[in-house]
Amino acid sequence: MAEYLASIFGTEKDKVNCSFYFKIGACRHGDRCSRLHNKPTFSQTIALLNIYRNPQNSSQSADGLRCAVSDVEMQEHYDEFFEEVFTEMEEKYGEVEEMNVCDNLGDHLVGNVYVKFRREEDAEKAVIDLNNRWFNGQPIHAELSPVTDFREACCRQYEMGECTRGGFCNFMHLKPISRELRRELYGRRRKKHRSRSRSRERRSRSRDRGQEIVKDLVDSEPCHFYCMSARKCCSLTKQVHNEIFFKDGLLNKNL
């Protein structure tokens, strides 16, 4: 029985736990949901709730008419927002594996930003700090999210351009950033990784060279313990013999 319950946990067959919250970290029923929303106590992923304001949804003139926003302006606005948040997360809290922004219109998903850190400790630190900060004149509401695999949380029909539910779909409609920004953000990360790798390689080569120098010095000097320069001791044995010899004062180093 326990194995069966574990196998259906978070699926549609689970009558106790909400499958939508488990997959997406949000549910349209909210606190009124008849199933449990098991909020994680640790996770790599955090959710910043309703933080992205789509200018297309909020731009209105004084007379209440909606202002037209071009696609170019929309993308520029979104790229600026994405870069600002992504950079802040990495510089202040830790390495970000993935960041996604919902383009949905439903109250439980609209403007949600999901940030998946490389380390759970960084995610926990981010949630604690962000809940004491403001963004764009509004307090930030951050929480740990159960989402770890965004492929399960995303609407596959939307990705193929076939979703009939539109912005009110209950699966994530992720808003893409421009190719230029993707290259800039993730190219910057690759450069950092290469720089760290080169630094580690240099330190490793430096240690190896130091070990080779010590080995050469040991190999080149005689084994004083036996008072024979021709004795064939291995390097480590010779080093130990000579340390014992010098320590016991059996040889005057000035001779």
C-alpha atoms as a PDB file:
ATOM      1  CA  MET A   1       0.000   0.000   0.000  1.00  0.00           C
ATOM      2  CA  ALA A   2       2.781   2.411   0.931  1.00  0.00           C
ATOM      3  CA  GLU A   3       4.552   1.715  -2.362  1.00  0.00           C
ATOM      4  CA  TYR A   4       1.356   2.382  -4.304  1.00  0.00           C
ATOM      5  CA  LEU A   5       0.745   5.701  -2.530  1.00  0.00           C
ATOM      6  CA  ALA A   6       4.341   6.723  -3.209  1.00  0.00           C
ATOM      7  CA  SER A   7       3.988   5.815  -6.892  1.00  0.00           C
ATOM      8  CA  ILE A   8       0.880   7.993  -7.405  1.00  0.00           C
ATOM      9  CA  PHE A   9       2.045  10.942  -5.260  1.00  0.00           C
ATOM     10  CA  GLY A  10       1.494  14.206  -7.111  1.00  0.00           C
ATOM     11  CA  THR A  11      -0.255  12.538 -10.055  1.00  0.00           C
ATOM     12  CA  GLU A  12      -3.886  12.873 -11.113  1.00  0.00           C
ATOM     13  CA  LYS A  13      -4.606   9.552  -9.384  1.00  0.00           C
ATOM     14  CA  ASP A  14      -3.588  11.088  -6.053  1.00  0.00           C
ATOM     15  CA  LYS A  15      -6.845  12.121  -4.343  1.00  0.00           C
ATOM     16  CA  VAL A  16      -5.064  13.747  -1.409  1.00  0.00           C
ATOM     17  CA  ASN A  17      -2.283  15.900  -2.885  1.00  0.00           C
ATOM     18  CA  CYS A  18      -2.811  18.486  -5.639  1.00  0.00           C
ATOM     19  CA  SER A  19      -1.106  17.369  -8.849  1.00  0.00           C
ATOM     20  CA  PHE A  20      -1.172  20.885 -10.323  1.00  0.00           C
ATOM     21  CA  TYR A  21       0.628  22.383  -7.347  1.00  0.00           C
ATOM     22  CA  PHE A  22       3.151  19.537  -7.362  1.00  0.00           C
ATOM     23  CA  LYS A  23       3.968  20.029 -11.074  1.00  0.00           C
ATOM     24  CA  ILE A  24       3.566  23.784 -11.442  1.00  0.00           C
ATOM     25  CA  GLY A  25       3.932  25.242  -7.974  1.00  0.00           C
ATOM     26  CA  ALA A  26       0.591  27.024  -8.393  1.00  0.00           C
ATOM     27  CA  CYS A  27      -3.086  26.076  -8.484  1.00  0.00           C
ATOM     28  CA  ARG A  28      -6.032  28.137  -9.738  1.00  0.00           C
ATOM     29  CA  HIS A  29      -8.081  27.124  -6.677  1.00  0.00           C
ATOM     30  CA  GLY A  30      -5.486  28.490  -4.268  1.00  0.00           C
ATOM     31  CA  ASP A  31      -6.389  27.982  -0.599  1.00  0.00           C
ATOM     32  CA  ARG A  32      -9.843  26.732  -1.639  1.00  0.00           C
ATOM     33  CA  CYS A  33      -8.371  23.636  -3.332  1.00  0.00           C
ATOM     34  CA  SER A  34      -9.831  20.370  -2.023  1.00  0.00           C
ATOM     35  CA  ARG A  35      -6.400  18.724  -2.201  1.00  0.00           C
ATOM     36  CA  LEU A  36      -3.253  19.468  -0.227  1.00  0.00           C
ATOM     37  CA  HIS A  37      -0.606  21.894  -1.431  1.00  0.00           C
ATOM     38  CA  ASN A  38       2.574  20.448   0.057  1.00  0.00           C
ATOM     39  CA  LYS A  39       4.947  23.391   0.216  1.00  0.00           C
ATOM     40  CA  PRO A  40       8.565  22.210   0.165  1.00  0.00           C
ATOM     41  CA  THR A  41      10.874  22.893   3.090  1.00  0.00           C
ATOM     42  CA  PHE A  42      13.879  22.763   0.746  1.00  0.00           C
ATOM     43  CA  SER A  43      14.209  23.132  -3.016  1.00  0.00           C
ATOM     44  CA  GLN A  44      16.533  24.450  -5.709  1.00  0.00           C
ATOM     45  CA  THR A  45      13.666  26.480  -7.185  1.00  0.00           C
ATOM     46  CA  ILE A  46      12.020  29.637  -5.910  1.00  0.00           C
ATOM     47  CA  ALA A  47       8.922  31.408  -7.217  1.00  0.00           C
ATOM     48  CA  LEU A  48       8.623  35.195  -7.309  1.00  0.00           C
ATOM     49  CA  LEU A  49       4.859  35.676  -7.450  1.00  0.00           C
ATOM     50  CA  ASN A  50       3.274  38.139  -9.920  1.00  0.00           C
ATOM     51  CA  ILE A  51       6.483  40.149 -10.218  1.00  0.00           C
ATOM     52  CA  TYR A  52       6.591  40.645 -14.003  1.00  0.00           C
ATOM     53  CA  ARG A  53       4.243  43.343 -15.290  1.00  0.00           C
ATOM     54  CA  ASN A  54       3.481  42.871 -18.970  1.00  0.00           C
ATOM     55  CA  PRO A  55       3.116  46.391 -20.436  1.00  0.00           C
ATOM     56  CA  GLN A  56       0.627  45.047 -22.965  1.00  0.00           C
ATOM     57  CA  ASN A  57      -1.727  44.107 -20.130  1.00  0.00           C
ATOM     58  CA  SER A  58      -1.301  47.254 -18.058  1.00  0.00           C
ATOM     59  CA  SER A  59      -0.740  50.149 -20.479  1.00  0.00           C
ATOM     60  CA  GLN A  60      -3.837  52.352 -20.610  1.00  0.00           C
ATOM     61  CA  SER A  61      -4.327  56.004 -21.424  1.00  0.00           C
ATOM     62  CA  ALA A  62      -6.041  58.487 -19.126  1.00  0.00           C
ATOM     63  CA  ASP A  63      -9.403  57.898 -20.827  1.00  0.00           C
ATOM     64  CA  GLY A  64      -9.186  54.159 -20.169  1.00  0.00           C
ATOM     65  CA  LEU A  65      -8.289  53.120 -23.697  1.00  0.00           C
ATOM     66  CA  ARG A  66      -5.543  50.561 -24.126  1.00  0.00           C
ATOM     67  CA  CYS A  67      -2.288  51.953 -25.526  1.00  0.00           C
ATOM     68  CA  ALA A  68      -0.677  50.078 -28.375  1.00  0.00           C
ATOM     69  CA  VAL A  69       2.729  48.585 -27.558  1.00  0.00           C
ATOM     70  CA  SER A  70       4.802  47.306 -30.460  1.00  0.00           C
ATOM     71  CA  ASP A  71       6.342  43.835 -30.445  1.00  0.00           C
ATOM     72  CA  VAL A  72       9.820  45.381 -30.491  1.00  0.00           C
ATOM     73  CA  GLU A  73       9.066  47.541 -27.442  1.00  0.00           C
ATOM     74  CA  MET A  74       7.557  44.536 -25.684  1.00  0.00           C
ATOM     75  CA  GLN A  75      10.657  42.410 -26.257  1.00  0.00           C
ATOM     76  CA  GLU A  76      13.022  45.191 -25.195  1.00  0.00           C
ATOM     77  CA  HIS A  77      11.036  45.749 -21.993  1.00  0.00           C
ATOM     78  CA  TYR A  78      10.983  42.029 -21.228  1.00  0.00           C
ATOM     79  CA  ASP A  79      14.689  41.517 -21.979  1.00  0.00           C
ATOM     80  CA  GLU A  80      15.592  44.389 -19.641  1.00  0.00           C
ATOM     81  CA  PHE A  81      13.459  42.886 -16.877  1.00  0.00           C
ATOM     82  CA  PHE A  82      14.871  39.378 -17.386  1.00  0.00           C
ATOM     83  CA  GLU A  83      18.493  40.543 -17.421  1.00  0.00           C
ATOM     84  CA  GLU A  84      18.018  42.666 -14.297  1.00  0.00           C
ATOM     85  CA  VAL A  85      16.451  39.834 -12.279  1.00  0.00           C
ATOM     86  CA  PHE A  86      18.790  37.108 -13.583  1.00  0.00           C
ATOM     87  CA  THR A  87      21.909  39.187 -12.853  1.00  0.00           C
ATOM     88  CA  GLU A  88      20.667  40.137  -9.383  1.00  0.00           C
ATOM     89  CA  MET A  89      19.956  36.490  -8.508  1.00  0.00           C
ATOM     90  CA  GLU A  90      23.402  35.292  -9.624  1.00  0.00           C
ATOM     91  CA  GLU A  91      25.414  38.126  -8.115  1.00  0.00           C
ATOM     92  CA  LYS A  92      23.607  38.240  -4.762  1.00  0.00           C
ATOM     93  CA  TYR A  93      22.521  34.658  -4.080  1.00  0.00           C
ATOM     94  CA  GLY A  94      24.332  32.102  -6.233  1.00  0.00           C
ATOM     95  CA  GLU A  95      24.596  30.352  -9.579  1.00  0.00           C
ATOM     96  CA  VAL A  96      21.310  30.107 -11.476  1.00  0.00           C
ATOM     97  CA  GLU A  97      20.685  26.964 -13.513  1.00  0.00           C
ATOM     98  CA  GLU A  98      17.464  28.142 -15.106  1.00  0.00           C
ATOM     99  CA  MET A  99      15.061  31.077 -14.964  1.00  0.00           C
ATOM    100  CA  ASN A 100      11.573  31.179 -16.484  1.00  0.00           C
ATOM    101  CA  VAL A 101       8.824  33.781 -16.654  1.00  0.00           C
ATOM    102  CA  CYS A 102       5.149  32.917 -17.104  1.00  0.00           C
ATOM    103  CA  ASP A 103       3.193  34.655 -19.865  1.00  0.00           C
ATOM    104  CA  ASN A 104      -0.128  33.354 -18.514  1.00  0.00           C
ATOM    105  CA  LEU A 105      -3.062  35.584 -17.548  1.00  0.00           C
ATOM    106  CA  GLY A 106      -4.607  33.524 -14.724  1.00  0.00           C
ATOM    107  CA  ASP A 107      -4.225  35.098 -11.283  1.00  0.00           C
ATOM    108  CA  HIS A 108      -2.204  32.169  -9.927  1.00  0.00           C
ATOM    109  CA  LEU A 109       0.399  32.311 -12.738  1.00  0.00           C
ATOM    110  CA  VAL A 110       0.418  35.824 -14.191  1.00  0.00           C
ATOM    111  CA  GLY A 111       3.886  37.372 -13.960  1.00  0.00           C
ATOM    112  CA  ASN A 112       5.355  34.501 -11.934  1.00  0.00           C
ATOM    113  CA  VAL A 113       9.130  34.130 -12.180  1.00  0.00           C
ATOM    114  CA  TYR A 114      10.743  30.781 -11.385  1.00  0.00           C
ATOM    115  CA  VAL A 115      14.446  30.731 -10.547  1.00  0.00           C
ATOM    116  CA  LYS A 116      16.215  27.391 -10.224  1.00  0.00           C
ATOM    117  CA  PHE A 117      19.535  27.687  -8.382  1.00  0.00           C
ATOM    118  CA  ARG A 118      22.354  25.166  -8.540  1.00  0.00           C
ATOM    119  CA  ARG A 119      22.325  24.809  -4.739  1.00  0.00           C
ATOM    120  CA  GLU A 120      19.375  24.483  -2.365  1.00  0.00           C
ATOM    121  CA  GLU A 121      21.148  26.659   0.208  1.00  0.00           C
ATOM    122  CA  ASP A 122      21.229  29.553  -2.273  1.00  0.00           C
ATOM    123  CA  ALA A 123      17.492  29.187  -2.935  1.00  0.00           C
ATOM    124  CA  GLU A 124      16.726  29.263   0.784  1.00  0.00           C
ATOM    125  CA  LYS A 125      18.920  32.339   1.272  1.00  0.00           C
ATOM    126  CA  ALA A 126      17.214  34.087  -1.657  1.00  0.00           C
ATOM    127  CA  VAL A 127      13.684  33.473  -0.312  1.00  0.00           C
ATOM    128  CA  ILE A 128      14.548  34.827   3.137  1.00  0.00           C
ATOM    129  CA  ASP A 129      16.159  37.969   1.743  1.00  0.00           C
ATOM    130  CA  LEU A 130      13.740  38.675  -1.117  1.00  0.00           C
ATOM    131  CA  ASN A 131      10.697  38.690   1.167  1.00  0.00           C
ATOM    132  CA  ASN A 132      12.201  41.801   2.771  1.00  0.00           C
ATOM    133  CA  ARG A 133      12.731  43.594  -0.544  1.00  0.00           C
ATOM    134  CA  TRP A 134      10.653  45.572  -3.020  1.00  0.00           C
ATOM    135  CA  PHE A 135      10.620  45.585  -6.816  1.00  0.00           C
ATOM    136  CA  ASN A 136       9.000  48.153  -9.102  1.00  0.00           C
ATOM    137  CA  GLY A 137       7.202  49.766  -6.162  1.00  0.00           C
ATOM    138  CA  GLN A 138       5.721  46.492  -4.898  1.00  0.00           C
ATOM    139  CA  PRO A 139       6.813  44.115  -2.104  1.00  0.00           C
ATOM    140  CA  ILE A 140       8.309  40.865  -3.392  1.00  0.00           C
ATOM    141  CA  HIS A 141       6.529  37.634  -2.465  1.00  0.00           C
ATOM    142  CA  ALA A 142       8.998  34.750  -2.756  1.00  0.00           C
ATOM    143  CA  GLU A 143       8.587  31.105  -1.801  1.00  0.00           C
ATOM    144  CA  LEU A 144      10.274  27.765  -2.350  1.00  0.00           C
ATOM    145  CA  SER A 145       8.681  25.937  -5.263  1.00  0.00           C
ATOM    146  CA  PRO A 146       8.238  22.189  -5.829  1.00  0.00           C
ATOM    147  CA  VAL A 147       8.999  22.627  -9.546  1.00  0.00           C
ATOM    148  CA  THR A 148      12.276  21.022 -10.581  1.00  0.00           C
ATOM    149  CA  ASP A 149      11.473  19.834 -14.116  1.00  0.00           C
ATOM    150  CA  PHE A 150      10.019  22.632 -16.226  1.00  0.00           C
ATOM    151  CA  ARG A 151       9.309  20.234 -19.075  1.00  0.00           C
ATOM    152  CA  GLU A 152       6.542  18.750 -16.919  1.00  0.00           C
ATOM    153  CA  ALA A 153       5.224  22.184 -15.935  1.00  0.00           C
ATOM    154  CA  CYS A 154       5.088  23.681 -19.437  1.00  0.00           C
ATOM    155  CA  CYS A 155       2.167  23.537 -21.856  1.00  0.00           C
ATOM    156  CA  ARG A 156       3.335  21.403 -24.786  1.00  0.00           C
ATOM    157  CA  GLN A 157       0.498  22.644 -26.993  1.00  0.00           C
ATOM    158  CA  TYR A 158       1.597  26.245 -26.406  1.00  0.00           C
ATOM    159  CA  GLU A 159       5.159  25.403 -27.430  1.00  0.00           C
ATOM    160  CA  MET A 160       3.774  23.992 -30.689  1.00  0.00           C
ATOM    161  CA  GLY A 161       1.464  26.983 -31.148  1.00  0.00           C
ATOM    162  CA  GLU A 162      -1.658  24.867 -30.644  1.00  0.00           C
ATOM    163  CA  CYS A 163      -2.939  25.748 -27.133  1.00  0.00           C
ATOM    164  CA  THR A 164      -6.669  26.547 -27.297  1.00  0.00           C
ATOM    165  CA  ARG A 165      -6.917  27.790 -23.697  1.00  0.00           C
ATOM    166  CA  GLY A 166      -4.926  30.959 -24.339  1.00  0.00           C
ATOM    167  CA  GLY A 167      -3.492  32.916 -21.435  1.00  0.00           C
ATOM    168  CA  PHE A 168      -5.781  31.189 -18.942  1.00  0.00           C
ATOM    169  CA  CYS A 169      -4.205  27.768 -19.467  1.00  0.00           C
ATOM    170  CA  ASN A 170      -3.267  26.112 -16.165  1.00  0.00           C
ATOM    171  CA  PHE A 171       0.111  24.964 -17.479  1.00  0.00           C
ATOM    172  CA  MET A 172       3.036  27.364 -17.855  1.00  0.00           C
ATOM    173  CA  HIS A 173       3.293  29.471 -20.995  1.00  0.00           C
ATOM    174  CA  LEU A 174       6.941  30.514 -20.765  1.00  0.00           C
ATOM    175  CA  LYS A 175       7.919  33.826 -22.310  1.00  0.00           C
ATOM    176  CA  PRO A 176      11.159  33.550 -24.326  1.00  0.00           C
ATOM    177  CA  ILE A 177      13.999  36.045 -24.190  1.00  0.00           C
ATOM    178  CA  SER A 178      15.776  37.248 -27.330  1.00  0.00           C
ATOM    179  CA  ARG A 179      18.592  35.171 -28.807  1.00  0.00           C
ATOM    180  CA  GLU A 180      21.023  38.034 -28.246  1.00  0.00           C
ATOM    181  CA  LEU A 181      20.280  38.175 -24.523  1.00  0.00           C
ATOM    182  CA  ARG A 182      20.461  34.388 -24.201  1.00  0.00           C
ATOM    183  CA  ARG A 183      23.914  34.398 -25.806  1.00  0.00           C
ATOM    184  CA  GLU A 184      25.020  37.253 -23.564  1.00  0.00           C
ATOM    185  CA  LEU A 185      23.794  35.760 -20.267  1.00  0.00           C
ATOM    186  CA  TYR A 186      24.754  32.157 -20.843  1.00  0.00           C
ATOM    187  CA  GLY A 187      27.895  33.062 -22.793  1.00  0.00           C
ATOM    188  CA  ARG A 188      29.010  35.080 -19.772  1.00  0.00           C
ATOM    189  CA  ARG A 189      28.485  31.991 -17.624  1.00  0.00           C
ATOM    190  CA  ARG A 190      30.506  29.781 -19.979  1.00  0.00           C
ATOM    191  CA  LYS A 191      33.361  32.275 -19.810  1.00  0.00           C
ATOM    192  CA  LYS A 192      33.238  32.152 -16.000  1.00  0.00           C
ATOM    193  CA  HIS A 193      33.325  28.355 -16.031  1.00  0.00           C
ATOM    194  CA  ARG A 194      36.230  28.328 -18.484  1.00  0.00           C
ATOM    195  CA  SER A 195      38.072  30.883 -16.340  1.00  0.00           C
ATOM    196  CA  ARG A 196      37.538  28.760 -13.204  1.00  0.00           C
ATOM    197  CA  SER A 197      38.624  25.624 -15.078  1.00  0.00           C
ATOM    198  CA  ARG A 198      41.794  27.310 -16.333  1.00  0.00           C
ATOM    199  CA  SER A 199      42.520  28.581 -12.815  1.00  0.00           C
ATOM    200  CA  ARG A 200      42.115  25.074 -11.377  1.00  0.00           C
ATOM    201  CA  GLU A 201      44.326  23.660 -14.152  1.00  0.00           C
ATOM    202  CA  ARG A 202      47.027  26.254 -13.424  1.00  0.00           C
ATOM    203  CA  ARG A 203      46.945  25.433  -9.702  1.00  0.00           C
ATOM    204  CA  SER A 204      47.095  21.724 -10.502  1.00  0.00           C
ATOM    205  CA  ARG A 205      50.044  22.188 -12.876  1.00  0.00           C
ATOM    206  CA  SER A 206      51.784  24.361 -10.284  1.00  0.00           C
ATOM    207  CA  ARG A 207      51.392  21.640  -7.634  1.00  0.00           C
ATOM    208  CA  ASP A 208      52.605  19.003 -10.097  1.00  0.00           C
ATOM    209  CA  ARG A 209      55.681  21.080 -10.961  1.00  0.00           C
ATOM    210  CA  GLY A 210      56.430  21.572  -7.268  1.00  0.00           C
ATOM    211  CA  GLN A 211      56.208  17.842  -6.665  1.00  0.00           C
ATOM    212  CA  GLU A 212      58.497  17.176  -9.641  1.00  0.00           C
ATOM    213  CA  ILE A 213      61.093  19.644  -8.301  1.00  0.00           C
ATOM    214  CA  VAL A 214      61.071  17.959  -4.873  1.00  0.00           C
ATOM    215  CA  LYS A 215      61.353  14.559  -6.519  1.00  0.00           C
ATOM    216  CA  ASP A 216      64.315  15.724  -8.654  1.00  0.00           C
ATOM    217  CA  LEU A 217      66.077  17.132  -5.585  1.00  0.00           C
ATOM    218  CA  VAL A 218      65.559  13.906  -3.653  1.00  0.00           C
ATOM    219  CA  ASP A 219      66.691  11.762  -6.560  1.00  0.00           C
ATOM    220  CA  SER A 220      69.818  13.836  -7.141  1.00  0.00           C
ATOM    221  CA  GLU A 221      71.190  13.696  -3.588  1.00  0.00           C
ATOM    222  CA  PRO A 222      72.804  10.607  -2.048  1.00  0.00           C
ATOM    223  CA  CYS A 223      71.263   8.485   0.656  1.00  0.00           C
ATOM    224  CA  HIS A 224      73.161   9.843   3.671  1.00  0.00           C
ATOM    225  CA  PHE A 225      71.623   7.253   5.978  1.00  0.00           C
ATOM    226  CA  TYR A 226      73.789   4.631   4.331  1.00  0.00           C
ATOM    227  CA  CYS A 227      76.653   7.081   3.565  1.00  0.00           C
ATOM    228  CA  MET A 228      76.513   5.848  -0.004  1.00  0.00           C
ATOM    229  CA  SER A 229      75.803   8.087  -2.954  1.00  0.00           C
ATOM    230  CA  ALA A 230      75.307   5.096  -5.200  1.00  0.00           C
ATOM    231  CA  ARG A 231      72.756   3.300  -3.051  1.00  0.00           C
ATOM    232  CA  LYS A 232      69.548   2.815  -5.053  1.00  0.00           C
ATOM    233  CA  CYS A 233      66.828   3.949  -2.665  1.00  0.00           C
ATOM    234  CA  CYS A 234      63.460   4.989  -4.046  1.00  0.00           C
ATOM    235  CA  SER A 235      62.773   8.723  -3.735  1.00  0.00           C
ATOM    236  CA  LEU A 236      60.383   8.477  -0.794  1.00  0.00           C
ATOM    237  CA  THR A 237      62.650   6.082   1.158  1.00  0.00           C
ATOM    238  CA  LYS A 238      65.695   8.259   0.488  1.00  0.00           C
ATOM    239  CA  GLN A 239      63.840  11.349   1.698  1.00  0.00           C
ATOM    240  CA  VAL A 240      62.812   9.607   4.935  1.00  0.00           C
ATOM    241  CA  HIS A 241      66.340   8.263   5.496  1.00  0.00           C
ATOM    242  CA  ASN A 242      67.914  11.696   5.062  1.00  0.00           C
ATOM    243  CA  GLU A 243      65.337  13.405   7.323  1.00  0.00           C
ATOM    244  CA  ILE A 244      66.155  10.879  10.080  1.00  0.00           C
ATOM    245  CA  PHE A 245      69.872  11.360   9.494  1.00  0.00           C
ATOM    246  CA  PHE A 246      69.782  15.161   9.694  1.00  0.00           C
ATOM    247  CA  LYS A 247      67.382  15.105  12.676  1.00  0.00           C
ATOM    248  CA  ASP A 248      69.680  12.842  14.691  1.00  0.00           C
ATOM    249  CA  GLY A 249      72.676  15.055  13.976  1.00  0.00           C
ATOM    250  CA  LEU A 250      74.620  12.306  12.287  1.00  0.00           C
ATOM    251  CA  LEU A 251      75.713  14.626   9.531  1.00  0.00           C
ATOM    252  CA  ASN A 252      76.895  18.197   9.708  1.00  0.00           C
ATOM    253  CA  LYS A 253      75.083  20.051   6.926  1.00  0.00           C
ATOM    254  CA  ASN A 254      77.979  22.486   6.604  1.00  0.00           C
ATOM    255  CA  LEU A 255      80.437  19.772   5.618  1.00  0.00           C
END
